[in-house]
Amino acid sequence: MSADNPAPLDTLAFTVDEASRTLRISRSTFYEWVKAGVLPVSKIRGRTLVRRVDVEQLLARSLSTAA
């Protein structure tokens, strides 16, 4: 996977970089959202992961409030 491409759509969880690219946000914004409780993450073997379903729910909430 190149740095320009988001994670595959069939993945269950994204790394910080994959989630940031998928959401088209910076890493610092990603961590701000985590700290604010906007985006839940898990730590597995030292890696910070965010579930794909949580990214999708974040987008759905954002789209419904923008309408």
PDB file of N, CA and C in Angstrom:
ATOM      1  N   MET A   1       0.848  -1.175   0.000  1.00  0.00           N
ATOM      2  CA  MET A   1       0.000   0.000   0.000  1.00  0.00           C
ATOM      3  C   MET A   1       0.893   1.238   0.000  1.00  0.00           C
ATOM      4  N   SER A   2       0.658   2.144  -0.909  1.00  0.00           N
ATOM      5  CA  SER A   2       1.474   3.354  -0.969  1.00  0.00           C
ATOM      6  C   SER A   2       0.947   4.395   0.012  1.00  0.00           C
ATOM      7  N   ALA A   3       1.750   5.396   0.274  1.00  0.00           N
ATOM      8  CA  ALA A   3       1.379   6.444   1.227  1.00  0.00           C
ATOM      9  C   ALA A   3       0.203   7.287   0.735  1.00  0.00           C
ATOM     10  N   ASP A   4      -0.069   7.251  -0.571  1.00  0.00           N
ATOM     11  CA  ASP A   4      -1.152   8.052  -1.124  1.00  0.00           C
ATOM     12  C   ASP A   4      -2.501   7.369  -1.064  1.00  0.00           C
ATOM     13  N   ASN A   5      -2.528   6.063  -0.845  1.00  0.00           N
ATOM     14  CA  ASN A   5      -3.774   5.306  -0.871  1.00  0.00           C
ATOM     15  C   ASN A   5      -4.293   5.036   0.530  1.00  0.00           C
ATOM     16  N   PRO A   6      -5.600   5.133   0.724  1.00  0.00           N
ATOM     17  CA  PRO A   6      -6.168   4.752   2.015  1.00  0.00           C
ATOM     18  C   PRO A   6      -6.107   3.242   2.193  1.00  0.00           C
ATOM     19  N   ALA A   7      -6.447   2.773   3.363  1.00  0.00           N
ATOM     20  CA  ALA A   7      -6.453   1.340   3.642  1.00  0.00           C
ATOM     21  C   ALA A   7      -7.501   0.656   2.782  1.00  0.00           C
ATOM     22  N   PRO A   8      -7.319  -0.642   2.547  1.00  0.00           N
ATOM     23  CA  PRO A   8      -8.347  -1.376   1.791  1.00  0.00           C
ATOM     24  C   PRO A   8      -9.705  -1.274   2.468  1.00  0.00           C
ATOM     25  N   LEU A   9     -10.759  -1.279   1.669  1.00  0.00           N
ATOM     26  CA  LEU A   9     -12.104  -1.118   2.210  1.00  0.00           C
ATOM     27  C   LEU A   9     -12.561  -2.297   3.049  1.00  0.00           C
ATOM     28  N   ASP A  10     -11.911  -3.460   2.910  1.00  0.00           N
ATOM     29  CA  ASP A  10     -12.325  -4.626   3.674  1.00  0.00           C
ATOM     30  C   ASP A  10     -11.611  -4.753   5.019  1.00  0.00           C
ATOM     31  N   THR A  11     -10.813  -3.776   5.384  1.00  0.00           N
ATOM     32  CA  THR A  11     -10.092  -3.833   6.648  1.00  0.00           C
ATOM     33  C   THR A  11     -11.040  -3.582   7.820  1.00  0.00           C
ATOM     34  N   LEU A  12     -10.785  -4.235   8.941  1.00  0.00           N
ATOM     35  CA  LEU A  12     -11.617  -4.051  10.127  1.00  0.00           C
ATOM     36  C   LEU A  12     -11.183  -2.854  10.956  1.00  0.00           C
ATOM     37  N   ALA A  13      -9.892  -2.514  10.879  1.00  0.00           N
ATOM     38  CA  ALA A  13      -9.372  -1.408  11.674  1.00  0.00           C
ATOM     39  C   ALA A  13      -8.293  -0.686  10.895  1.00  0.00           C
ATOM     40  N   PHE A  14      -8.182   0.605  11.161  1.00  0.00           N
ATOM     41  CA  PHE A  14      -7.195   1.448  10.519  1.00  0.00           C
ATOM     42  C   PHE A  14      -6.095   1.815  11.503  1.00  0.00           C
ATOM     43  N   THR A  15      -4.876   1.959  11.002  1.00  0.00           N
ATOM     44  CA  THR A  15      -3.821   2.573  11.792  1.00  0.00           C
ATOM     45  C   THR A  15      -4.082   4.083  11.814  1.00  0.00           C
ATOM     46  N   VAL A  16      -3.302   4.798  12.589  1.00  0.00           N
ATOM     47  CA  VAL A  16      -3.452   6.261  12.643  1.00  0.00           C
ATOM     48  C   VAL A  16      -3.256   6.860  11.257  1.00  0.00           C
ATOM     49  N   ASP A  17      -2.207   6.431  10.555  1.00  0.00           N
ATOM     50  CA  ASP A  17      -1.947   6.983   9.219  1.00  0.00           C
ATOM     51  C   ASP A  17      -3.055   6.636   8.238  1.00  0.00           C
ATOM     52  N   GLU A  18      -3.522   5.390   8.267  1.00  0.00           N
ATOM     53  CA  GLU A  18      -4.592   4.985   7.354  1.00  0.00           C
ATOM     54  C   GLU A  18      -5.877   5.748   7.627  1.00  0.00           C
ATOM     55  N   ALA A  19      -6.229   5.882   8.901  1.00  0.00           N
ATOM     56  CA  ALA A  19      -7.452   6.611   9.253  1.00  0.00           C
ATOM     57  C   ALA A  19      -7.338   8.082   8.876  1.00  0.00           C
ATOM     58  N   SER A  20      -6.184   8.663   9.112  1.00  0.00           N
ATOM     59  CA  SER A  20      -5.977  10.070   8.759  1.00  0.00           C
ATOM     60  C   SER A  20      -6.112  10.291   7.263  1.00  0.00           C
ATOM     61  N   ARG A  21      -5.501   9.398   6.477  1.00  0.00           N
ATOM     62  CA  ARG A  21      -5.614   9.510   5.015  1.00  0.00           C
ATOM     63  C   ARG A  21      -7.050   9.282   4.566  1.00  0.00           C
ATOM     64  N   THR A  22      -7.721   8.289   5.148  1.00  0.00           N
ATOM     65  CA  THR A  22      -9.094   7.972   4.764  1.00  0.00           C
ATOM     66  C   THR A  22     -10.015   9.146   5.054  1.00  0.00           C
ATOM     67  N   LEU A  23      -9.844   9.773   6.225  1.00  0.00           N
ATOM     68  CA  LEU A  23     -10.674  10.912   6.618  1.00  0.00           C
ATOM     69  C   LEU A  23     -10.170  12.233   6.028  1.00  0.00           C
ATOM     70  N   ARG A  24      -8.989  12.181   5.442  1.00  0.00           N
ATOM     71  CA  ARG A  24      -8.335  13.369   4.879  1.00  0.00           C
ATOM     72  C   ARG A  24      -8.147  14.456   5.930  1.00  0.00           C
ATOM     73  N   ILE A  25      -7.589  14.017   7.064  1.00  0.00           N
ATOM     74  CA  ILE A  25      -7.264  14.927   8.157  1.00  0.00           C
ATOM     75  C   ILE A  25      -5.801  14.718   8.531  1.00  0.00           C
ATOM     76  N   SER A  26      -5.241  15.655   9.265  1.00  0.00           N
ATOM     77  CA  SER A  26      -3.860  15.511   9.709  1.00  0.00           C
ATOM     78  C   SER A  26      -3.801  14.562  10.909  1.00  0.00           C
ATOM     79  N   ARG A  27      -2.598  14.076  11.174  1.00  0.00           N
ATOM     80  CA  ARG A  27      -2.406  13.213  12.350  1.00  0.00           C
ATOM     81  C   ARG A  27      -2.744  13.982  13.634  1.00  0.00           C
ATOM     82  N   SER A  28      -2.405  15.267  13.677  1.00  0.00           N
ATOM     83  CA  SER A  28      -2.694  16.045  14.884  1.00  0.00           C
ATOM     84  C   SER A  28      -4.199  16.201  15.087  1.00  0.00           C
ATOM     85  N   THR A  29      -4.955  16.395  14.012  1.00  0.00           N
ATOM     86  CA  THR A  29      -6.411  16.452  14.131  1.00  0.00           C
ATOM     87  C   THR A  29      -6.953  15.113  14.592  1.00  0.00           C
ATOM     88  N   PHE A  30      -6.416  14.035  14.057  1.00  0.00           N
ATOM     89  CA  PHE A  30      -6.821  12.692  14.490  1.00  0.00           C
ATOM     90  C   PHE A  30      -6.672  12.567  15.999  1.00  0.00           C
ATOM     91  N   TYR A  31      -5.503  12.917  16.531  1.00  0.00           N
ATOM     92  CA  TYR A  31      -5.260  12.794  17.968  1.00  0.00           C
ATOM     93  C   TYR A  31      -6.113  13.773  18.780  1.00  0.00           C
ATOM     94  N   GLU A  32      -6.416  14.944  18.238  1.00  0.00           N
ATOM     95  CA  GLU A  32      -7.326  15.875  18.916  1.00  0.00           C
ATOM     96  C   GLU A  32      -8.716  15.244  19.051  1.00  0.00           C
ATOM     97  N   TRP A  33      -9.179  14.605  17.984  1.00  0.00           N
ATOM     98  CA  TRP A  33     -10.490  13.953  18.012  1.00  0.00           C
ATOM     99  C   TRP A  33     -10.498  12.798  19.004  1.00  0.00           C
ATOM    100  N   VAL A  34      -9.405  12.065  19.084  1.00  0.00           N
ATOM    101  CA  VAL A  34      -9.306  10.962  20.053  1.00  0.00           C
ATOM    102  C   VAL A  34      -9.371  11.527  21.468  1.00  0.00           C
ATOM    103  N   LYS A  35      -8.598  12.573  21.729  1.00  0.00           N
ATOM    104  CA  LYS A  35      -8.570  13.182  23.059  1.00  0.00           C
ATOM    105  C   LYS A  35      -9.934  13.746  23.443  1.00  0.00           C
ATOM    106  N   ALA A  36     -10.668  14.285  22.472  1.00  0.00           N
ATOM    107  CA  ALA A  36     -11.989  14.870  22.732  1.00  0.00           C
ATOM    108  C   ALA A  36     -13.090  13.814  22.815  1.00  0.00           C
ATOM    109  N   GLY A  37     -12.749  12.554  22.518  1.00  0.00           N
ATOM    110  CA  GLY A  37     -13.747  11.492  22.576  1.00  0.00           C
ATOM    111  C   GLY A  37     -14.592  11.379  21.321  1.00  0.00           C
ATOM    112  N   VAL A  38     -14.194  12.065  20.273  1.00  0.00           N
ATOM    113  CA  VAL A  38     -14.934  12.032  19.012  1.00  0.00           C
ATOM    114  C   VAL A  38     -14.705  10.708  18.291  1.00  0.00           C
ATOM    115  N   LEU A  39     -13.515  10.161  18.434  1.00  0.00           N
ATOM    116  CA  LEU A  39     -13.132   8.946  17.729  1.00  0.00           C
ATOM    117  C   LEU A  39     -12.475   7.976  18.706  1.00  0.00           C
ATOM    118  N   PRO A  40     -13.131   6.849  19.009  1.00  0.00           N
ATOM    119  CA  PRO A  40     -12.546   5.883  19.941  1.00  0.00           C
ATOM    120  C   PRO A  40     -11.434   5.075  19.273  1.00  0.00           C
ATOM    121  N   VAL A  41     -10.403   4.773  20.031  1.00  0.00           N
ATOM    122  CA  VAL A  41      -9.295   3.962  19.527  1.00  0.00           C
ATOM    123  C   VAL A  41      -8.995   2.830  20.497  1.00  0.00           C
ATOM    124  N   SER A  42      -8.257   1.867  19.997  1.00  0.00           N
ATOM    125  CA  SER A  42      -7.766   0.753  20.814  1.00  0.00           C
ATOM    126  C   SER A  42      -6.270   0.659  20.622  1.00  0.00           C
ATOM    127  N   LYS A  43      -5.594   0.194  21.659  1.00  0.00           N
ATOM    128  CA  LYS A  43      -4.162  -0.068  21.572  1.00  0.00           C
ATOM    129  C   LYS A  43      -3.988  -1.573  21.534  1.00  0.00           C
ATOM    130  N   ILE A  44      -3.375  -2.071  20.479  1.00  0.00           N
ATOM    131  CA  ILE A  44      -3.101  -3.491  20.355  1.00  0.00           C
ATOM    132  C   ILE A  44      -1.630  -3.664  20.002  1.00  0.00           C
ATOM    133  N   ARG A  45      -0.913  -4.330  20.897  1.00  0.00           N
ATOM    134  CA  ARG A  45       0.523  -4.554  20.701  1.00  0.00           C
ATOM    135  C   ARG A  45       1.266  -3.270  20.388  1.00  0.00           C
ATOM    136  N   GLY A  46       0.914  -2.201  21.083  1.00  0.00           N
ATOM    137  CA  GLY A  46       1.593  -0.926  20.916  1.00  0.00           C
ATOM    138  C   GLY A  46       1.131  -0.096  19.738  1.00  0.00           C
ATOM    139  N   ARG A  47       0.185  -0.614  18.961  1.00  0.00           N
ATOM    140  CA  ARG A  47      -0.323   0.128  17.807  1.00  0.00           C
ATOM    141  C   ARG A  47      -1.672   0.733  18.147  1.00  0.00           C
ATOM    142  N   THR A  48      -1.875   1.975  17.749  1.00  0.00           N
ATOM    143  CA  THR A  48      -3.162   2.632  17.925  1.00  0.00           C
ATOM    144  C   THR A  48      -4.011   2.306  16.704  1.00  0.00           C
ATOM    145  N   LEU A  49      -5.191   1.718  16.957  1.00  0.00           N
ATOM    146  CA  LEU A  49      -6.088   1.337  15.870  1.00  0.00           C
ATOM    147  C   LEU A  49      -7.470   1.925  16.102  1.00  0.00           C
ATOM    148  N   VAL A  50      -8.135   2.250  15.017  1.00  0.00           N
ATOM    149  CA  VAL A  50      -9.510   2.732  15.068  1.00  0.00           C
ATOM    150  C   VAL A  50     -10.344   1.811  14.179  1.00  0.00           C
ATOM    151  N   ARG A  51     -11.465   1.368  14.698  1.00  0.00           N
ATOM    152  CA  ARG A  51     -12.315   0.462  13.933  1.00  0.00           C
ATOM    153  C   ARG A  51     -12.939   1.191  12.742  1.00  0.00           C
ATOM    154  N   ARG A  52     -13.030   0.486  11.633  1.00  0.00           N
ATOM    155  CA  ARG A  52     -13.646   1.051  10.429  1.00  0.00           C
ATOM    156  C   ARG A  52     -15.072   1.503  10.713  1.00  0.00           C
ATOM    157  N   VAL A  53     -15.805   0.715  11.493  1.00  0.00           N
ATOM    158  CA  VAL A  53     -17.198   1.063  11.802  1.00  0.00           C
ATOM    159  C   VAL A  53     -17.265   2.395  12.554  1.00  0.00           C
ATOM    160  N   ASP A  54     -16.288   2.684  13.399  1.00  0.00           N
ATOM    161  CA  ASP A  54     -16.279   3.965  14.125  1.00  0.00           C
ATOM    162  C   ASP A  54     -16.000   5.135  13.180  1.00  0.00           C
ATOM    163  N   VAL A  55     -15.142   4.912  12.188  1.00  0.00           N
ATOM    164  CA  VAL A  55     -14.891   5.950  11.179  1.00  0.00           C
ATOM    165  C   VAL A  55     -16.169   6.198  10.380  1.00  0.00           C
ATOM    166  N   GLU A  56     -16.837   5.120   9.989  1.00  0.00           N
ATOM    167  CA  GLU A  56     -18.085   5.256   9.227  1.00  0.00           C
ATOM    168  C   GLU A  56     -19.163   5.968  10.041  1.00  0.00           C
ATOM    169  N   GLN A  57     -19.269   5.652  11.335  1.00  0.00           N
ATOM    170  CA  GLN A  57     -20.261   6.313  12.183  1.00  0.00           C
ATOM    171  C   GLN A  57     -19.936   7.793  12.356  1.00  0.00           C
ATOM    172  N   LEU A  58     -18.674   8.119  12.478  1.00  0.00           N
ATOM    173  CA  LEU A  58     -18.261   9.521  12.574  1.00  0.00           C
ATOM    174  C   LEU A  58     -18.685  10.288  11.323  1.00  0.00           C
ATOM    175  N   LEU A  59     -18.461   9.696  10.166  1.00  0.00           N
ATOM    176  CA  LEU A  59     -18.859  10.345   8.917  1.00  0.00           C
ATOM    177  C   LEU A  59     -20.366  10.482   8.824  1.00  0.00           C
ATOM    178  N   ALA A  60     -21.103   9.448   9.229  1.00  0.00           N
ATOM    179  CA  ALA A  60     -22.573   9.508   9.186  1.00  0.00           C
ATOM    180  C   ALA A  60     -23.090  10.608  10.090  1.00  0.00           C
ATOM    181  N   ARG A  61     -22.527  10.720  11.298  1.00  0.00           N
ATOM    182  CA  ARG A  61     -22.950  11.785  12.224  1.00  0.00           C
ATOM    183  C   ARG A  61     -22.643  13.160  11.640  1.00  0.00           C
ATOM    184  N   SER A  62     -21.478  13.298  11.040  1.00  0.00           N
ATOM    185  CA  SER A  62     -21.085  14.580  10.463  1.00  0.00           C
ATOM    186  C   SER A  62     -21.991  14.969   9.305  1.00  0.00           C
ATOM    187  N   LEU A  63     -22.326  13.997   8.484  1.00  0.00           N
ATOM    188  CA  LEU A  63     -23.192  14.290   7.337  1.00  0.00           C
ATOM    189  C   LEU A  63     -24.617  14.635   7.780  1.00  0.00           C
ATOM    190  N   SER A  64     -25.107  13.979   8.825  1.00  0.00           N
ATOM    191  CA  SER A  64     -26.477  14.263   9.271  1.00  0.00           C
ATOM    192  C   SER A  64     -26.572  15.624   9.952  1.00  0.00           C
ATOM    193  N   THR A  65     -25.519  16.071  10.620  1.00  0.00           N
ATOM    194  CA  THR A  65     -25.563  17.386  11.257  1.00  0.00           C
ATOM    195  C   THR A  65     -25.323  18.502  10.249  1.00  0.00           C
ATOM    196  N   ALA A  66     -24.677  18.181   9.118  1.00  0.00           N
ATOM    197  CA  ALA A  66     -24.413  19.186   8.091  1.00  0.00           C
ATOM    198  C   ALA A  66     -25.649  19.435   7.219  1.00  0.00           C
ATOM    199  N   ALA A  67     -26.570  18.504   7.222  1.00  0.00           N
ATOM    200  CA  ALA A  67     -27.745  18.619   6.342  1.00  0.00           C
ATOM    201  C   ALA A  67     -28.768  19.600   6.828  1.00  0.00           C
TER     202      ALA A  67
END
